[in-house]
């Protein structure tokens, strides 16, 4: 269960345009993740800039890294992202499920082509 301090750290990390784009790219990449160089290219930032942003996202628990050969592969921490959504929604309904229905419907899975970073 995510606590308020963890949620604030995650929201702080996501409140920057490049970092939000990185997380969205990694969510679309799925469990295979993406090499840092390709991620930099797709996000439109330099390798040193991507490194800075990835460290912030990793510190917030939103991404993980793993060395594969000579590359660093980054993956979205789907569990943490789910916890973040649950944190936002846990008090949403206040006993009235119809209040949350539009948000739940909007959060349903979409194909990667429908997601724009």
C-alpha atoms as a PDB file:
ATOM      1  CA  UNK A   1       0.000   0.000   0.000  1.00  0.00           C
ATOM      2  CA  UNK A   2       1.377   3.367  -1.038  1.00  0.00           C
ATOM      3  CA  UNK A   3       1.673   6.023   1.652  1.00  0.00           C
ATOM      4  CA  UNK A   4       1.309   9.762   1.147  1.00  0.00           C
ATOM      5  CA  UNK A   5       5.069  10.426   1.179  1.00  0.00           C
ATOM      6  CA  UNK A   6       5.664   7.828  -1.543  1.00  0.00           C
ATOM      7  CA  UNK A   7       2.785   9.227  -3.614  1.00  0.00           C
ATOM      8  CA  UNK A   8       4.188  12.744  -3.310  1.00  0.00           C
ATOM      9  CA  UNK A   9       7.604  11.534  -4.478  1.00  0.00           C
ATOM     10  CA  UNK A  10       6.051   9.821  -7.487  1.00  0.00           C
ATOM     11  CA  UNK A  11       3.913  12.825  -8.391  1.00  0.00           C
ATOM     12  CA  UNK A  12       6.920  15.099  -8.032  1.00  0.00           C
ATOM     13  CA  UNK A  13       8.921  12.918 -10.425  1.00  0.00           C
ATOM     14  CA  UNK A  14       6.045  12.809 -12.917  1.00  0.00           C
ATOM     15  CA  UNK A  15       5.420  16.555 -12.788  1.00  0.00           C
ATOM     16  CA  UNK A  16       8.165  17.201 -15.349  1.00  0.00           C
ATOM     17  CA  UNK A  17       7.323  16.863 -19.063  1.00  0.00           C
ATOM     18  CA  UNK A  18      10.302  14.720 -20.092  1.00  0.00           C
ATOM     19  CA  UNK A  19       9.910  12.332 -17.168  1.00  0.00           C
ATOM     20  CA  UNK A  20       6.204  11.889 -17.842  1.00  0.00           C
ATOM     21  CA  UNK A  21       7.014  11.115 -21.491  1.00  0.00           C
ATOM     22  CA  UNK A  22       9.658   8.594 -20.433  1.00  0.00           C
ATOM     23  CA  UNK A  23       7.220   6.744 -18.173  1.00  0.00           C
ATOM     24  CA  UNK A  24       4.613   6.652 -20.916  1.00  0.00           C
ATOM     25  CA  UNK A  25       7.166   5.321 -23.412  1.00  0.00           C
ATOM     26  CA  UNK A  26       8.207   2.616 -20.957  1.00  0.00           C
ATOM     27  CA  UNK A  27       4.610   1.624 -20.254  1.00  0.00           C
ATOM     28  CA  UNK A  28       4.080   1.138 -23.994  1.00  0.00           C
ATOM     29  CA  UNK A  29       7.374  -0.805 -24.248  1.00  0.00           C
ATOM     30  CA  UNK A  30       5.979  -3.260 -21.713  1.00  0.00           C
ATOM     31  CA  UNK A  31       8.044  -5.921 -19.949  1.00  0.00           C
ATOM     32  CA  UNK A  32      10.800  -5.827 -22.591  1.00  0.00           C
ATOM     33  CA  UNK A  33      11.630  -2.281 -21.546  1.00  0.00           C
ATOM     34  CA  UNK A  34      13.845  -0.020 -23.583  1.00  0.00           C
ATOM     35  CA  UNK A  35      17.552   0.705 -23.790  1.00  0.00           C
ATOM     36  CA  UNK A  36      18.562   4.102 -22.455  1.00  0.00           C
ATOM     37  CA  UNK A  37      19.903   5.238 -25.843  1.00  0.00           C
ATOM     38  CA  UNK A  38      16.685   4.414 -27.677  1.00  0.00           C
ATOM     39  CA  UNK A  39      14.679   5.973 -24.882  1.00  0.00           C
ATOM     40  CA  UNK A  40      16.719   9.197 -25.214  1.00  0.00           C
ATOM     41  CA  UNK A  41      16.094   9.213 -28.956  1.00  0.00           C
ATOM     42  CA  UNK A  42      12.341   8.655 -28.620  1.00  0.00           C
ATOM     43  CA  UNK A  43      12.056  11.244 -25.833  1.00  0.00           C
ATOM     44  CA  UNK A  44      14.090  13.730 -27.877  1.00  0.00           C
ATOM     45  CA  UNK A  45      16.757  14.362 -25.244  1.00  0.00           C
ATOM     46  CA  UNK A  46      20.521  13.900 -24.968  1.00  0.00           C
ATOM     47  CA  UNK A  47      22.039  10.809 -23.313  1.00  0.00           C
ATOM     48  CA  UNK A  48      23.187  12.844 -20.309  1.00  0.00           C
ATOM     49  CA  UNK A  49      19.753  14.403 -19.965  1.00  0.00           C
ATOM     50  CA  UNK A  50      17.976  11.034 -20.116  1.00  0.00           C
ATOM     51  CA  UNK A  51      20.303   9.710 -17.431  1.00  0.00           C
ATOM     52  CA  UNK A  52      19.323  12.548 -15.089  1.00  0.00           C
ATOM     53  CA  UNK A  53      15.604  11.962 -15.635  1.00  0.00           C
ATOM     54  CA  UNK A  54      15.870   8.186 -15.305  1.00  0.00           C
ATOM     55  CA  UNK A  55      17.648   8.567 -11.957  1.00  0.00           C
ATOM     56  CA  UNK A  56      14.792  10.739 -10.691  1.00  0.00           C
ATOM     57  CA  UNK A  57      12.194   8.226 -11.868  1.00  0.00           C
ATOM     58  CA  UNK A  58      14.133   5.330 -10.396  1.00  0.00           C
ATOM     59  CA  UNK A  59      14.469   7.135  -7.061  1.00  0.00           C
ATOM     60  CA  UNK A  60      10.678   7.590  -7.020  1.00  0.00           C
ATOM     61  CA  UNK A  61      10.217   3.859  -7.700  1.00  0.00           C
ATOM     62  CA  UNK A  62       8.573   4.412 -11.068  1.00  0.00           C
ATOM     63  CA  UNK A  63      11.209   2.689 -13.221  1.00  0.00           C
ATOM     64  CA  UNK A  64      13.806  -0.022 -12.780  1.00  0.00           C
ATOM     65  CA  UNK A  65      17.008  -0.722 -14.646  1.00  0.00           C
ATOM     66  CA  UNK A  66      18.868  -3.868 -15.592  1.00  0.00           C
ATOM     67  CA  UNK A  67      22.131  -4.294 -17.438  1.00  0.00           C
ATOM     68  CA  UNK A  68      21.841  -6.474 -20.528  1.00  0.00           C
ATOM     69  CA  UNK A  69      25.174  -6.877 -22.284  1.00  0.00           C
ATOM     70  CA  UNK A  70      26.441  -3.326 -22.847  1.00  0.00           C
ATOM     71  CA  UNK A  71      23.049  -1.649 -22.513  1.00  0.00           C
ATOM     72  CA  UNK A  72      21.024  -0.450 -19.574  1.00  0.00           C
ATOM     73  CA  UNK A  73      17.417  -1.531 -20.053  1.00  0.00           C
ATOM     74  CA  UNK A  74      14.739   0.473 -18.274  1.00  0.00           C
ATOM     75  CA  UNK A  75      11.250  -0.743 -17.467  1.00  0.00           C
ATOM     76  CA  UNK A  76       8.202   0.951 -16.008  1.00  0.00           C
ATOM     77  CA  UNK A  77       7.352  -0.266 -12.521  1.00  0.00           C
ATOM     78  CA  UNK A  78       3.767  -1.207 -13.338  1.00  0.00           C
ATOM     79  CA  UNK A  79       3.075  -2.199  -9.737  1.00  0.00           C
ATOM     80  CA  UNK A  80       4.041   1.246  -8.472  1.00  0.00           C
ATOM     81  CA  UNK A  81       2.017   2.961 -11.198  1.00  0.00           C
ATOM     82  CA  UNK A  82      -0.992   0.838 -10.241  1.00  0.00           C
ATOM     83  CA  UNK A  83      -0.479   1.710  -6.588  1.00  0.00           C
ATOM     84  CA  UNK A  84      -0.376   5.387  -7.530  1.00  0.00           C
ATOM     85  CA  UNK A  85      -3.694   5.125  -9.369  1.00  0.00           C
ATOM     86  CA  UNK A  86      -5.211   3.220  -6.424  1.00  0.00           C
ATOM     87  CA  UNK A  87      -3.916   5.915  -4.061  1.00  0.00           C
ATOM     88  CA  UNK A  88      -5.792   8.543  -6.079  1.00  0.00           C
ATOM     89  CA  UNK A  89      -8.952   6.488  -6.348  1.00  0.00           C
ATOM     90  CA  UNK A  90      -9.258   4.951  -2.882  1.00  0.00           C
ATOM     91  CA  UNK A  91     -11.449   7.739  -1.521  1.00  0.00           C
ATOM     92  CA  UNK A  92     -13.079   8.565  -4.846  1.00  0.00           C
ATOM     93  CA  UNK A  93     -16.395   6.844  -4.554  1.00  0.00           C
ATOM     94  CA  UNK A  94     -17.378   7.717  -0.985  1.00  0.00           C
ATOM     95  CA  UNK A  95     -19.921   4.895  -1.175  1.00  0.00           C
ATOM     96  CA  UNK A  96     -21.158   5.966  -4.634  1.00  0.00           C
ATOM     97  CA  UNK A  97     -19.493   3.833  -7.361  1.00  0.00           C
ATOM     98  CA  UNK A  98     -21.056   5.929 -10.127  1.00  0.00           C
ATOM     99  CA  UNK A  99     -18.720   8.784  -9.132  1.00  0.00           C
ATOM    100  CA  UNK A 100     -15.656   6.764 -10.161  1.00  0.00           C
ATOM    101  CA  UNK A 101     -17.162   5.060 -13.218  1.00  0.00           C
ATOM    102  CA  UNK A 102     -15.854   7.630 -15.765  1.00  0.00           C
ATOM    103  CA  UNK A 103     -12.307   7.415 -14.352  1.00  0.00           C
ATOM    104  CA  UNK A 104     -12.358   3.619 -14.326  1.00  0.00           C
ATOM    105  CA  UNK A 105     -13.639   3.534 -17.903  1.00  0.00           C
ATOM    106  CA  UNK A 106     -10.959   6.013 -19.037  1.00  0.00           C
ATOM    107  CA  UNK A 107      -8.248   3.896 -17.412  1.00  0.00           C
ATOM    108  CA  UNK A 108      -9.213   0.749 -19.318  1.00  0.00           C
ATOM    109  CA  UNK A 109      -6.494  -0.730 -21.497  1.00  0.00           C
ATOM    110  CA  UNK A 110      -5.846   0.839 -24.862  1.00  0.00           C
ATOM    111  CA  UNK A 111      -3.586  -0.281 -27.660  1.00  0.00           C
ATOM    112  CA  UNK A 112      -0.153   1.411 -27.819  1.00  0.00           C
ATOM    113  CA  UNK A 113      -1.195   3.269 -30.977  1.00  0.00           C
ATOM    114  CA  UNK A 114      -3.797   5.094 -28.912  1.00  0.00           C
ATOM    115  CA  UNK A 115      -1.227   6.330 -26.384  1.00  0.00           C
ATOM    116  CA  UNK A 116       0.700   9.468 -27.261  1.00  0.00           C
ATOM    117  CA  UNK A 117       3.815  10.258 -25.196  1.00  0.00           C
END
